[in-house]
Amino acid sequence: MGKGIVYLVGAGPGDPKLITVRGMECLASSDVVVYDRLASPLLLRYVKPNTEKIYVGKLPDRHTMKQEEINQLLVDLALQGKRVTRLKGGDPTIFGRVGEEAGLLRQHGIEFEIVPGITSAIAVPAYAGIPVTHREIASSLSIITGHESPEKLDKSIHWDKVTNATGTLIFLMGVAKIGYIAEQLIRHGKSPDTPVALVRWGTMVEQETLVGTLETIEEQVKRANFQPPAVIVVGEVVRQRESLQWFERKPLFGTRILVTRAREQASGLVKQIEELGGEPVEFPVIETRAPSGPAARESIKAALEAAETYRWLIFTSVNGVNYFFRHLQTYGIDIRRFHAARIAAVGPKTAEALAERGLRVEALPQTYQAEGLIELLADELKPGERALLPRGNLARDVLLRELTSRGIDAVGIDVYETAIAEDQDELALWLLKEKAVHIVTFTSSSTVTNLLEVLRRQGVEKPAELLAGAEIACIGPLTARTAEEAGLKVTIQPEEATIASLIDAIVRRRADRRQEAEKKEDNKQ
């Protein structure tokens, strides 16, 4: 067995979209990903199936792996012939200890590649509205580690030279030493009024910015209990923040949202959350698949073979549309054989899925559920007509019952099955346990029941209590009813049962919560 290769990849400062194209390629081609807390776990969604993921950061029940152990881990994995991506926060060459990792790999004759990343030294200030250079204010910058003890800082930093060497000073990992850093800068020539900004967890949902001066910043840090990790910016460029803030002004800034719908359906919701400044955490608890049993397949085939007999073709979900056409292809059935059928759909997304295939929906109810469709079609349905309902195995029977009661020969076929998703990310569970998820979204009753079941399978005895720390957002009344019956308190429900309306409701709720928090803060003062 030959040796593998190790990619030492800079993951960027936290926002997963800030990784480089080359870094993404390495992730997608690797057999193993070794990552820590400064690399966004959301990047793991881009790895191929069955990729091994090894977390070497700190969890409540696990201490941080020592650097020497990480070095050896990379060697061991490569000697097994694996392609390994070592995902490191920021840029691996800027205080990233990449030299130590690469050095041991070279000693063992293992091929490696260093993939640069966007360093937090420039990205984090940018997300706080602070450009590290400015033509009229600062034409140069210095990047300095602030993680050492005062004695080591004095040995590694020539304060008399650094203080006024460049227009902007960037200190990484120096929150605990902020008082000493400010003292030395003032002692060696900086004005006590020099602006200072500390940006904690920059580019991420927890981003927090504290602005002061060299004279006041230590006391401000203590008063706010401002904790690392943070980037410290010293210089006149800090004043630009007043007019250049952008990330913190997004409507979902500071909001982490759990997305429970099937992975193949989640992309639209995930994208909208990201564009609005939130952080989506994918935790798909359902997956769809074609029925596997021979009886189910024969039932589908027989129903489709009778294409010419149907007067109505009724779809209740996008999945129903997609799997219907898959089965047409599987059994070689031409869609034109349904020429006698009128088409009805529940929900605009279902109608869009049909429109993409060149099919026009004649009936689309205002309320996006079966009852609304029955009400809409009441005068159109004629006893003796046949209707085909391609649906999932967990679909409600209300539509079939209502059609049958009106004399319609309704044929329901389960064109897909919904099951509990097996591949779950342990980090999402950890975020729930840490109360770091602000909103949990449910887009169907099955996402509610399956999430609770997945949590039970992962050792959570009382899943409803675990979710109590987050707000519950349900796409419609049926989903909300299922959630409430399970002991969850639903606080977000849109006017329409659509993803767009769900997002709007979440945005309004977060705006209301911010206003409430601001009023409480004003009352304290």
Protein backbone atom coordinates (compact mmCIF):
# COMPACT_ATOMS: atom_id res chain seq x y z
CA MET A 1 0.00 0.00 0.00
CA GLY A 2 1.42 3.38 -1.03
CA LYS A 3 1.56 6.51 1.06
CA GLY A 4 -1.23 9.04 0.94
CA ILE A 5 -1.07 12.82 0.75
CA VAL A 6 -1.88 15.52 3.30
CA TYR A 7 -3.43 18.87 2.38
CA LEU A 8 -2.73 21.55 4.99
CA VAL A 9 -5.69 23.77 4.22
CA GLY A 10 -6.54 27.22 5.52
CA ALA A 11 -10.27 27.19 6.23
CA GLY A 12 -10.54 30.95 6.52
CA PRO A 13 -11.72 32.90 9.56
CA GLY A 14 -14.99 31.08 10.26
CA ASP A 15 -17.57 31.87 7.60
CA PRO A 16 -17.50 28.66 5.53
CA LYS A 17 -17.91 30.57 2.27
CA LEU A 18 -14.54 32.23 2.77
CA ILE A 19 -12.56 29.05 2.07
CA THR A 20 -10.62 29.09 -1.20
CA VAL A 21 -11.62 27.11 -4.29
CA ARG A 22 -8.49 24.95 -3.90
CA GLY A 23 -9.32 24.33 -0.27
CA MET A 24 -12.80 23.19 -1.26
CA GLU A 25 -11.34 20.84 -3.88
CA CYS A 26 -9.11 19.25 -1.25
CA LEU A 27 -12.08 18.77 1.08
CA ALA A 28 -14.16 17.15 -1.65
CA SER A 29 -11.43 14.66 -2.63
CA SER A 30 -10.25 13.58 0.83
CA ASP A 31 -10.80 10.31 2.66
CA VAL A 32 -10.24 11.94 6.06
CA VAL A 33 -10.74 15.48 7.39
CA VAL A 34 -8.95 16.54 10.57
CA TYR A 35 -10.41 19.80 11.94
CA ASP A 36 -10.62 21.95 15.08
CA ARG A 37 -12.85 24.63 16.58
CA LEU A 38 -11.47 27.51 14.49
CA ALA A 39 -12.50 25.79 11.24
CA SER A 40 -16.23 26.00 10.55
CA PRO A 41 -17.91 22.59 10.92
CA LEU A 42 -20.32 23.71 8.19
CA LEU A 43 -17.52 23.01 5.71
CA LEU A 44 -17.99 19.31 6.41
CA ARG A 45 -21.16 19.36 4.31
CA TYR A 46 -18.92 19.46 1.22
CA VAL A 47 -17.06 16.22 1.87
CA LYS A 48 -17.91 13.09 -0.06
CA PRO A 49 -20.03 10.35 1.57
CA ASN A 50 -18.26 8.08 4.07
CA THR A 51 -15.44 10.57 4.61
CA GLU A 52 -13.93 10.09 8.07
CA LYS A 53 -14.15 13.24 10.21
CA ILE A 54 -11.78 13.64 13.13
CA TYR A 55 -12.32 16.56 15.51
CA VAL A 56 -9.14 17.52 17.36
CA GLY A 57 -10.51 20.54 19.19
CA LYS A 58 -12.12 20.76 22.61
CA LEU A 59 -15.49 19.24 23.52
CA PRO A 60 -17.09 19.03 26.98
CA ASP A 61 -15.97 15.42 27.42
CA ARG A 62 -12.69 15.63 25.56
CA HIS A 63 -9.53 17.68 26.05
CA THR A 64 -7.81 19.40 23.19
CA MET A 65 -5.43 17.08 21.33
CA LYS A 66 -1.85 18.22 21.76
CA GLN A 67 -0.05 19.56 18.69
CA GLU A 68 2.46 16.71 18.73
CA GLU A 69 -0.41 14.21 18.70
CA ILE A 70 -2.03 16.00 15.76
CA ASN A 71 1.27 15.90 13.86
CA GLN A 72 1.57 12.16 14.43
CA LEU A 73 -2.10 11.58 13.53
CA LEU A 74 -1.54 13.15 10.11
CA VAL A 75 1.48 10.90 9.57
CA ASP A 76 -0.39 7.77 10.64
CA LEU A 77 -3.34 8.48 8.36
CA ALA A 78 -1.12 9.18 5.37
CA LEU A 79 0.87 6.00 5.97
CA GLN A 80 -2.45 4.14 5.62
CA GLY A 81 -2.59 5.44 2.05
CA LYS A 82 -5.32 8.00 2.73
CA ARG A 83 -5.87 11.46 1.28
CA VAL A 84 -6.04 13.72 4.32
CA THR A 85 -7.20 17.31 4.67
CA ARG A 86 -5.97 19.09 7.77
CA LEU A 87 -8.46 21.93 8.07
CA LYS A 88 -7.01 24.87 10.01
CA GLY A 89 -8.65 28.17 10.91
CA GLY A 90 -7.49 31.25 8.99
CA ASP A 91 -4.26 30.82 7.05
CA PRO A 92 -2.05 27.88 8.07
CA THR A 93 1.17 29.89 7.75
CA ILE A 94 0.12 32.70 10.10
CA PHE A 95 0.56 31.39 13.65
CA GLY A 96 -0.95 28.10 12.43
CA ARG A 97 1.99 25.82 13.32
CA VAL A 98 1.91 24.44 9.81
CA GLY A 99 5.69 24.23 9.81
CA GLU A 100 5.61 21.61 12.56
CA GLU A 101 3.02 19.49 10.78
CA ALA A 102 4.69 19.76 7.39
CA GLY A 103 8.10 19.11 8.92
CA LEU A 104 7.08 15.74 10.40
CA LEU A 105 5.37 14.76 7.16
CA ARG A 106 8.57 15.52 5.25
CA GLN A 107 10.59 13.42 7.72
CA HIS A 108 8.39 10.43 6.88
CA GLY A 109 8.56 11.03 3.15
CA ILE A 110 4.89 11.94 2.92
CA GLU A 111 3.72 14.27 0.16
CA PHE A 112 1.91 17.39 1.35
CA GLU A 113 0.48 20.62 0.00
CA ILE A 114 0.01 23.91 1.85
CA VAL A 115 -3.20 25.63 0.75
CA PRO A 116 -3.35 29.27 1.88
CA GLY A 117 -6.48 30.62 3.53
CA ILE A 118 -7.91 34.04 4.32
CA THR A 119 -6.31 35.09 7.59
CA SER A 120 -8.49 36.35 10.42
CA ALA A 121 -6.12 39.31 10.68
CA ILE A 122 -7.81 40.96 7.70
CA ALA A 123 -11.14 39.12 7.38
CA VAL A 124 -12.39 39.57 10.94
CA PRO A 125 -11.89 43.37 10.96
CA ALA A 126 -13.59 43.52 7.54
CA TYR A 127 -16.67 41.74 8.93
CA ALA A 128 -16.73 44.33 11.72
CA GLY A 129 -16.64 47.15 9.18
CA ILE A 130 -12.94 47.94 9.70
CA PRO A 131 -10.62 48.00 6.69
CA VAL A 132 -7.09 47.36 7.98
CA THR A 133 -5.65 49.89 5.53
CA HIS A 134 -7.01 53.16 4.18
CA ARG A 135 -5.40 55.49 1.69
CA GLU A 136 -5.79 58.54 3.90
CA ILE A 137 -5.29 56.89 7.30
CA ALA A 138 -3.07 53.79 7.19
CA SER A 139 -0.96 52.50 4.33
CA SER A 140 0.66 49.60 6.21
CA LEU A 141 -0.07 47.06 8.92
CA SER A 142 1.69 44.67 11.29
CA ILE A 143 0.36 41.27 12.42
CA ILE A 144 1.56 40.29 15.88
CA THR A 145 0.84 37.36 18.17
CA GLY A 146 -0.45 38.42 21.56
CA HIS A 147 -0.84 34.96 23.06
CA GLU A 148 2.41 34.84 25.01
CA SER A 149 3.13 35.89 28.61
CA PRO A 150 4.33 39.48 29.14
CA GLU A 151 7.91 38.23 29.49
CA LYS A 152 7.76 36.36 26.18
CA LEU A 153 5.98 39.26 24.52
CA ASP A 154 8.83 41.56 25.51
CA LYS A 155 11.34 39.10 24.04
CA SER A 156 9.47 38.60 20.75
CA ILE A 157 8.19 42.16 20.25
CA HIS A 158 10.41 45.21 20.01
CA TRP A 159 7.82 47.61 21.38
CA ASP A 160 9.82 50.70 20.54
CA LYS A 161 9.94 49.69 16.88
CA VAL A 162 6.52 48.03 16.48
CA THR A 163 4.47 50.78 18.11
CA ASN A 164 4.91 53.30 15.31
CA ALA A 165 6.22 51.07 12.54
CA THR A 166 2.88 50.81 10.69
CA GLY A 167 -0.44 52.58 10.55
CA THR A 168 -2.44 49.61 11.83
CA LEU A 169 -1.46 47.01 14.42
CA ILE A 170 -3.23 43.64 14.45
CA PHE A 171 -2.80 41.41 17.52
CA LEU A 172 -4.03 37.84 17.29
CA MET A 173 -4.96 35.86 20.40
CA GLY A 174 -4.19 38.70 22.79
CA VAL A 175 -7.40 39.32 24.76
CA ALA A 176 -5.96 38.09 28.06
CA LYS A 177 -2.98 40.43 27.63
CA ILE A 178 -4.89 43.48 26.38
CA GLY A 179 -3.98 45.59 29.40
CA TYR A 180 -0.27 44.89 29.03
CA ILE A 181 -0.38 45.44 25.26
CA ALA A 182 -2.13 48.80 25.66
CA GLU A 183 0.30 49.83 28.39
CA GLN A 184 3.32 49.07 26.23
CA LEU A 185 1.94 50.86 23.20
CA ILE A 186 1.21 54.00 25.24
CA ARG A 187 4.61 53.81 26.92
CA HIS A 188 6.34 53.69 23.54
CA GLY A 189 4.54 56.55 21.89
CA LYS A 190 0.95 55.72 21.01
CA SER A 191 -1.63 58.25 22.13
CA PRO A 192 -3.96 56.99 24.91
CA ASP A 193 -6.82 58.11 22.64
CA THR A 194 -5.82 55.73 19.85
CA PRO A 195 -8.92 53.71 18.82
CA VAL A 196 -8.97 49.99 19.58
CA ALA A 197 -11.43 47.31 18.49
CA LEU A 198 -11.70 43.74 19.70
CA VAL A 199 -13.69 41.42 17.42
CA ARG A 200 -14.61 38.10 18.96
CA TRP A 201 -15.48 35.05 16.82
CA GLY A 202 -15.37 37.26 13.74
CA THR A 203 -17.35 36.27 10.60
CA MET A 204 -19.35 33.78 12.68
CA VAL A 205 -22.77 33.86 14.29
CA GLU A 206 -21.24 34.72 17.69
CA GLN A 207 -19.37 37.76 16.34
CA GLU A 208 -19.11 40.48 18.97
CA THR A 209 -17.28 43.78 18.68
CA LEU A 210 -15.97 46.00 21.48
CA VAL A 211 -14.60 49.45 20.66
CA GLY A 212 -12.59 51.71 22.95
CA THR A 213 -9.22 53.42 23.21
CA LEU A 214 -5.83 52.28 24.48
CA GLU A 215 -6.61 54.08 27.71
CA THR A 216 -10.06 52.53 28.28
CA ILE A 217 -10.01 49.13 26.59
CA GLU A 218 -8.72 47.02 29.50
CA GLU A 219 -11.51 48.19 31.79
CA GLN A 220 -14.08 47.71 29.01
CA VAL A 221 -12.92 44.14 28.45
CA LYS A 222 -13.25 43.36 32.15
CA ARG A 223 -16.64 45.02 32.46
CA ALA A 224 -18.02 43.17 29.42
CA ASN A 225 -16.32 39.90 30.40
CA PHE A 226 -15.05 39.83 26.83
CA GLN A 227 -13.55 36.41 26.16
CA PRO A 228 -11.21 35.05 23.46
CA PRO A 229 -10.75 34.20 20.66
CA ALA A 230 -10.62 37.71 19.28
CA VAL A 231 -8.66 39.89 16.87
CA ILE A 232 -7.38 43.19 18.25
CA VAL A 233 -7.16 46.17 15.89
CA VAL A 234 -5.22 49.25 16.96
CA GLY A 235 -5.24 52.37 14.81
CA GLU A 236 -7.31 55.12 13.22
CA VAL A 237 -8.94 52.64 10.83
CA VAL A 238 -11.17 51.56 13.73
CA ARG A 239 -13.15 54.80 13.31
CA GLN A 240 -14.32 53.55 9.89
CA ARG A 241 -16.58 51.06 11.67
CA GLU A 242 -19.17 53.76 12.38
CA SER A 243 -20.03 54.03 8.69
CA LEU A 244 -18.88 50.68 7.26
CA GLN A 245 -20.67 48.14 9.45
CA TRP A 246 -22.51 45.64 7.27
CA PHE A 247 -22.44 42.08 8.64
CA GLU A 248 -23.86 42.96 12.05
CA ARG A 249 -26.72 44.83 10.38
CA LYS A 250 -28.05 41.82 8.50
CA PRO A 251 -31.53 40.75 9.70
CA LEU A 252 -30.47 37.28 10.88
CA PHE A 253 -27.06 38.24 12.24
CA GLY A 254 -26.32 36.34 15.42
CA THR A 255 -28.86 33.60 14.65
CA ARG A 256 -28.00 29.91 14.35
CA ILE A 257 -30.82 27.91 12.76
CA LEU A 258 -31.21 24.13 12.73
CA VAL A 259 -32.53 22.85 9.39
CA THR A 260 -34.18 19.45 9.75
CA ARG A 261 -35.61 18.82 6.28
CA ALA A 262 -34.09 16.27 3.90
CA ARG A 263 -30.68 17.29 2.60
CA GLU A 264 -31.76 17.26 -1.05
CA GLN A 265 -34.54 19.74 -0.21
CA ALA A 266 -32.69 21.95 2.27
CA SER A 267 -30.52 23.98 -0.13
CA GLY A 268 -33.06 26.76 -0.72
CA LEU A 269 -33.70 27.30 2.97
CA VAL A 270 -30.00 27.11 3.80
CA LYS A 271 -29.11 29.66 1.12
CA GLN A 272 -31.70 32.17 2.29
CA ILE A 273 -30.54 31.90 5.90
CA GLU A 274 -26.95 32.53 4.83
CA GLU A 275 -27.85 35.52 2.66
CA LEU A 276 -29.66 37.12 5.59
CA GLY A 277 -26.63 36.77 7.86
CA GLY A 278 -27.70 33.69 9.81
CA GLU A 279 -25.88 30.40 10.21
CA PRO A 280 -27.75 27.30 9.04
CA VAL A 281 -26.87 23.99 10.67
CA GLU A 282 -28.05 21.07 8.57
CA PHE A 283 -29.38 18.19 10.62
CA PRO A 284 -31.52 16.26 8.14
CA VAL A 285 -33.73 13.86 10.03
CA ILE A 286 -35.58 12.49 7.03
CA GLU A 287 -34.50 11.01 3.74
CA THR A 288 -36.59 9.93 0.79
CA ARG A 289 -36.13 6.89 -1.42
CA ALA A 290 -38.03 4.89 -3.99
CA PRO A 291 -40.09 1.99 -2.56
CA SER A 292 -37.96 -1.13 -2.50
CA GLY A 293 -40.52 -3.90 -2.04
CA PRO A 294 -41.70 -5.85 -5.11
CA ALA A 295 -45.37 -5.38 -4.17
CA ALA A 296 -44.94 -1.60 -3.97
CA ARG A 297 -43.16 -1.49 -7.33
CA GLU A 298 -45.85 -3.57 -9.00
CA SER A 299 -48.55 -1.30 -7.56
CA ILE A 300 -46.82 1.78 -8.97
CA LYS A 301 -46.34 0.18 -12.37
CA ALA A 302 -49.96 -0.96 -12.60
CA ALA A 303 -51.28 2.48 -11.65
CA LEU A 304 -49.08 4.22 -14.22
CA GLU A 305 -49.98 1.75 -16.96
CA ALA A 306 -53.58 2.93 -16.61
CA ALA A 307 -52.54 6.47 -17.58
CA GLU A 308 -55.35 7.03 -20.12
CA THR A 309 -58.08 6.35 -17.54
CA TYR A 310 -57.36 9.27 -15.20
CA ARG A 311 -59.34 12.49 -15.30
CA TRP A 312 -57.28 14.05 -12.50
CA LEU A 313 -53.58 13.96 -11.64
CA ILE A 314 -53.09 15.42 -8.17
CA PHE A 315 -49.69 16.19 -6.59
CA THR A 316 -49.21 17.18 -2.96
CA SER A 317 -45.43 17.68 -2.78
CA VAL A 318 -42.29 18.34 -4.80
CA ASN A 319 -41.06 14.89 -3.85
CA GLY A 320 -44.23 13.40 -5.29
CA VAL A 321 -43.52 15.15 -8.60
CA ASN A 322 -39.88 14.11 -8.71
CA TYR A 323 -40.47 10.46 -7.91
CA PHE A 324 -43.49 10.27 -10.23
CA PHE A 325 -41.27 11.19 -13.16
CA ARG A 326 -38.54 8.81 -12.04
CA HIS A 327 -41.03 5.96 -12.14
CA LEU A 328 -42.28 7.05 -15.58
CA GLN A 329 -38.71 6.72 -16.81
CA THR A 330 -38.16 3.41 -15.02
CA TYR A 331 -41.21 1.80 -16.60
CA GLY A 332 -40.92 3.52 -19.99
CA ILE A 333 -44.23 5.34 -19.77
CA ASP A 334 -44.74 8.47 -21.88
CA ILE A 335 -46.24 11.42 -19.95
CA ARG A 336 -48.44 12.12 -22.99
CA ARG A 337 -50.48 9.05 -22.11
CA PHE A 338 -52.02 11.17 -19.31
CA HIS A 339 -53.55 13.49 -21.93
CA ALA A 340 -57.04 13.15 -20.47
CA ALA A 341 -56.00 14.25 -17.00
CA ARG A 342 -56.29 17.72 -15.51
CA ILE A 343 -53.48 18.60 -13.08
CA ALA A 344 -53.91 19.91 -9.54
CA ALA A 345 -51.28 20.66 -6.93
CA VAL A 346 -51.00 21.60 -3.27
CA GLY A 347 -48.52 24.45 -2.81
CA PRO A 348 -46.69 26.78 -5.22
CA LYS A 349 -43.42 24.84 -4.98
CA THR A 350 -45.18 21.71 -6.20
CA ALA A 351 -46.64 23.75 -9.05
CA GLU A 352 -43.18 25.09 -9.89
CA ALA A 353 -41.75 21.57 -10.01
CA LEU A 354 -44.45 20.66 -12.55
CA ALA A 355 -43.92 23.85 -14.54
CA GLU A 356 -40.22 22.99 -14.88
CA ARG A 357 -41.37 19.86 -16.73
CA GLY A 358 -43.68 21.80 -19.00
CA LEU A 359 -46.89 20.94 -17.16
CA ARG A 360 -49.43 23.62 -16.28
CA VAL A 361 -51.38 23.31 -13.03
CA GLU A 362 -55.08 24.03 -13.43
CA ALA A 363 -55.98 24.00 -9.73
CA LEU A 364 -53.88 25.51 -6.94
CA PRO A 365 -55.58 26.24 -3.60
CA GLN A 366 -54.96 29.36 -1.53
CA THR A 367 -54.40 27.25 1.59
CA TYR A 368 -51.55 24.86 0.94
CA GLN A 369 -53.05 21.64 2.25
CA ALA A 370 -55.42 18.89 1.13
CA GLU A 371 -58.53 20.53 2.62
CA GLY A 372 -57.97 23.64 0.54
CA LEU A 373 -57.68 21.61 -2.65
CA ILE A 374 -60.91 19.73 -1.98
CA GLU A 375 -62.72 23.02 -1.40
CA LEU A 376 -61.32 24.44 -4.64
CA LEU A 377 -62.30 21.39 -6.70
CA ALA A 378 -65.74 20.88 -5.15
CA ASP A 379 -67.62 22.05 -8.27
CA GLU A 380 -65.21 20.46 -10.70
CA LEU A 381 -65.25 16.86 -9.48
CA LYS A 382 -67.70 14.51 -11.16
CA PRO A 383 -68.70 11.15 -9.65
CA GLY A 384 -67.17 8.24 -11.53
CA GLU A 385 -64.03 10.12 -12.56
CA ARG A 386 -60.64 8.60 -11.77
CA ALA A 387 -57.86 10.48 -9.97
CA LEU A 388 -54.24 9.46 -9.46
CA LEU A 389 -52.42 10.73 -6.34
CA PRO A 390 -48.62 10.15 -6.45
CA ARG A 391 -47.51 10.68 -2.83
CA GLY A 392 -45.27 9.51 -0.01
CA ASN A 393 -45.91 6.64 2.35
CA LEU A 394 -46.53 9.03 5.27
CA ALA A 395 -49.05 11.22 3.46
CA ARG A 396 -52.36 11.88 5.19
CA ASP A 397 -55.39 9.98 3.87
CA VAL A 398 -57.71 13.00 4.04
CA LEU A 399 -57.48 13.71 0.30
CA LEU A 400 -58.20 10.10 -0.66
CA ARG A 401 -61.13 9.94 1.76
CA GLU A 402 -62.68 13.19 0.59
CA LEU A 403 -62.36 12.29 -3.08
CA THR A 404 -63.84 8.85 -2.48
CA SER A 405 -66.76 10.33 -0.54
CA ARG A 406 -67.56 12.45 -3.60
CA GLY A 407 -67.73 9.40 -5.83
CA ILE A 408 -64.25 9.75 -7.29
CA ASP A 409 -62.25 6.58 -8.00
CA ALA A 410 -59.12 7.85 -6.22
CA VAL A 411 -55.95 5.82 -6.68
CA GLY A 412 -53.17 6.62 -4.23
CA ILE A 413 -49.69 5.31 -4.95
CA ASP A 414 -46.70 5.67 -2.66
CA VAL A 415 -44.06 6.78 -5.18
CA TYR A 416 -41.53 7.38 -2.42
CA GLU A 417 -40.84 6.41 1.17
CA THR A 418 -39.81 8.71 3.99
CA ALA A 419 -37.42 7.27 6.54
CA ILE A 420 -35.24 8.49 9.37
CA ALA A 421 -31.90 9.72 8.06
CA GLU A 422 -29.06 7.60 9.37
CA ASP A 423 -25.98 9.80 8.83
CA GLN A 424 -26.08 12.47 11.55
CA ASP A 425 -23.50 15.10 12.45
CA GLU A 426 -22.53 14.83 16.12
CA LEU A 427 -21.57 18.51 16.14
CA ALA A 428 -25.19 19.54 15.56
CA LEU A 429 -26.20 17.53 18.61
CA TRP A 430 -23.40 19.17 20.57
CA LEU A 431 -24.66 22.63 19.55
CA LEU A 432 -28.13 21.71 20.80
CA LYS A 433 -26.74 20.52 24.12
CA GLU A 434 -24.69 23.73 24.43
CA LYS A 435 -27.86 25.79 23.84
CA ALA A 436 -26.07 27.34 20.86
CA VAL A 437 -29.01 26.86 18.46
CA HIS A 438 -31.45 29.77 18.45
CA ILE A 439 -34.18 28.44 16.13
CA VAL A 440 -35.22 24.93 15.08
CA THR A 441 -37.17 24.74 11.82
CA PHE A 442 -39.72 22.09 10.94
CA THR A 443 -41.12 21.84 7.42
CA SER A 444 -43.36 18.80 7.92
CA SER A 445 -44.80 16.67 10.70
CA SER A 446 -42.29 13.93 9.86
CA THR A 447 -39.37 16.28 10.57
CA VAL A 448 -40.81 16.82 14.06
CA THR A 449 -41.32 13.17 14.93
CA ASN A 450 -38.07 12.08 13.30
CA LEU A 451 -35.94 14.71 15.05
CA LEU A 452 -37.27 13.60 18.42
CA GLU A 453 -36.61 9.96 17.50
CA VAL A 454 -33.06 10.73 16.26
CA LEU A 455 -32.32 12.51 19.53
CA ARG A 456 -33.60 9.54 21.52
CA ARG A 457 -31.41 7.20 19.51
CA GLN A 458 -28.44 9.41 20.32
CA GLY A 459 -29.06 9.08 24.04
CA VAL A 460 -31.26 12.10 24.76
CA GLU A 461 -33.90 10.86 27.21
CA LYS A 462 -36.10 13.95 27.02
CA PRO A 463 -35.62 15.53 23.57
CA ALA A 464 -38.39 18.11 24.06
CA GLU A 465 -36.50 19.51 27.05
CA LEU A 466 -33.29 19.67 25.01
CA LEU A 467 -35.08 21.80 22.40
CA ALA A 468 -36.69 24.06 25.01
CA GLY A 469 -33.81 26.53 24.78
CA ALA A 470 -34.52 27.25 21.11
CA GLU A 471 -37.46 28.86 19.38
CA ILE A 472 -39.55 26.48 17.31
CA ALA A 473 -40.52 27.51 13.78
CA CYS A 474 -43.12 25.43 11.90
CA ILE A 475 -44.07 25.89 8.27
CA GLY A 476 -47.80 25.35 8.76
CA PRO A 477 -50.60 24.51 11.20
CA LEU A 478 -50.38 20.73 10.76
CA THR A 479 -46.67 20.73 11.51
CA ALA A 480 -47.23 23.10 14.43
CA ARG A 481 -49.91 20.80 15.85
CA THR A 482 -47.54 17.83 15.70
CA ALA A 483 -44.82 19.87 17.44
CA GLU A 484 -47.15 21.04 20.21
CA GLU A 485 -48.49 17.53 20.76
CA ALA A 486 -44.87 16.45 21.23
CA GLY A 487 -44.40 19.04 23.99
CA LEU A 488 -42.70 21.78 21.96
CA LYS A 489 -43.67 25.44 22.21
CA VAL A 490 -44.16 26.86 18.72
CA THR A 491 -43.33 30.58 18.57
CA ILE A 492 -42.88 31.08 14.83
CA GLN A 493 -45.50 30.17 12.23
CA PRO A 494 -45.87 31.92 8.86
CA GLU A 495 -49.10 33.07 7.26
CA GLU A 496 -48.49 30.80 4.28
CA ALA A 497 -46.99 27.31 4.31
CA THR A 498 -44.00 28.18 2.14
CA ILE A 499 -40.26 28.43 2.76
CA ALA A 500 -40.25 32.11 1.75
CA SER A 501 -43.02 32.88 4.23
CA LEU A 502 -41.24 30.86 6.93
CA ILE A 503 -38.09 32.92 6.44
CA ASP A 504 -40.09 36.16 6.62
CA ALA A 505 -41.65 35.04 9.90
CA ILE A 506 -38.24 34.20 11.34
CA VAL A 507 -36.86 37.60 10.34
CA ARG A 508 -39.81 39.40 11.99
CA ARG A 509 -39.42 37.36 15.15
CA ARG A 510 -35.70 38.12 15.43
CA ALA A 511 -36.38 41.83 14.89
CA ASP A 512 -38.95 41.78 17.69
CA ARG A 513 -36.54 39.97 20.00
CA ARG A 514 -33.81 42.53 19.30
CA GLN A 515 -36.18 45.39 20.09
CA GLU A 516 -37.16 43.70 23.35
CA ALA A 517 -33.49 43.29 24.28
CA GLU A 518 -32.75 46.94 23.46
CA LYS A 519 -35.64 48.12 25.65
CA LYS A 520 -34.39 46.03 28.56
CA GLU A 521 -30.90 47.48 28.11
CA ASP A 522 -32.28 51.02 28.02
CA ASN A 523 -34.26 50.40 31.20
CA LYS A 524 -31.10 49.20 32.98
CA GLN A 525 -29.36 52.44 32.11
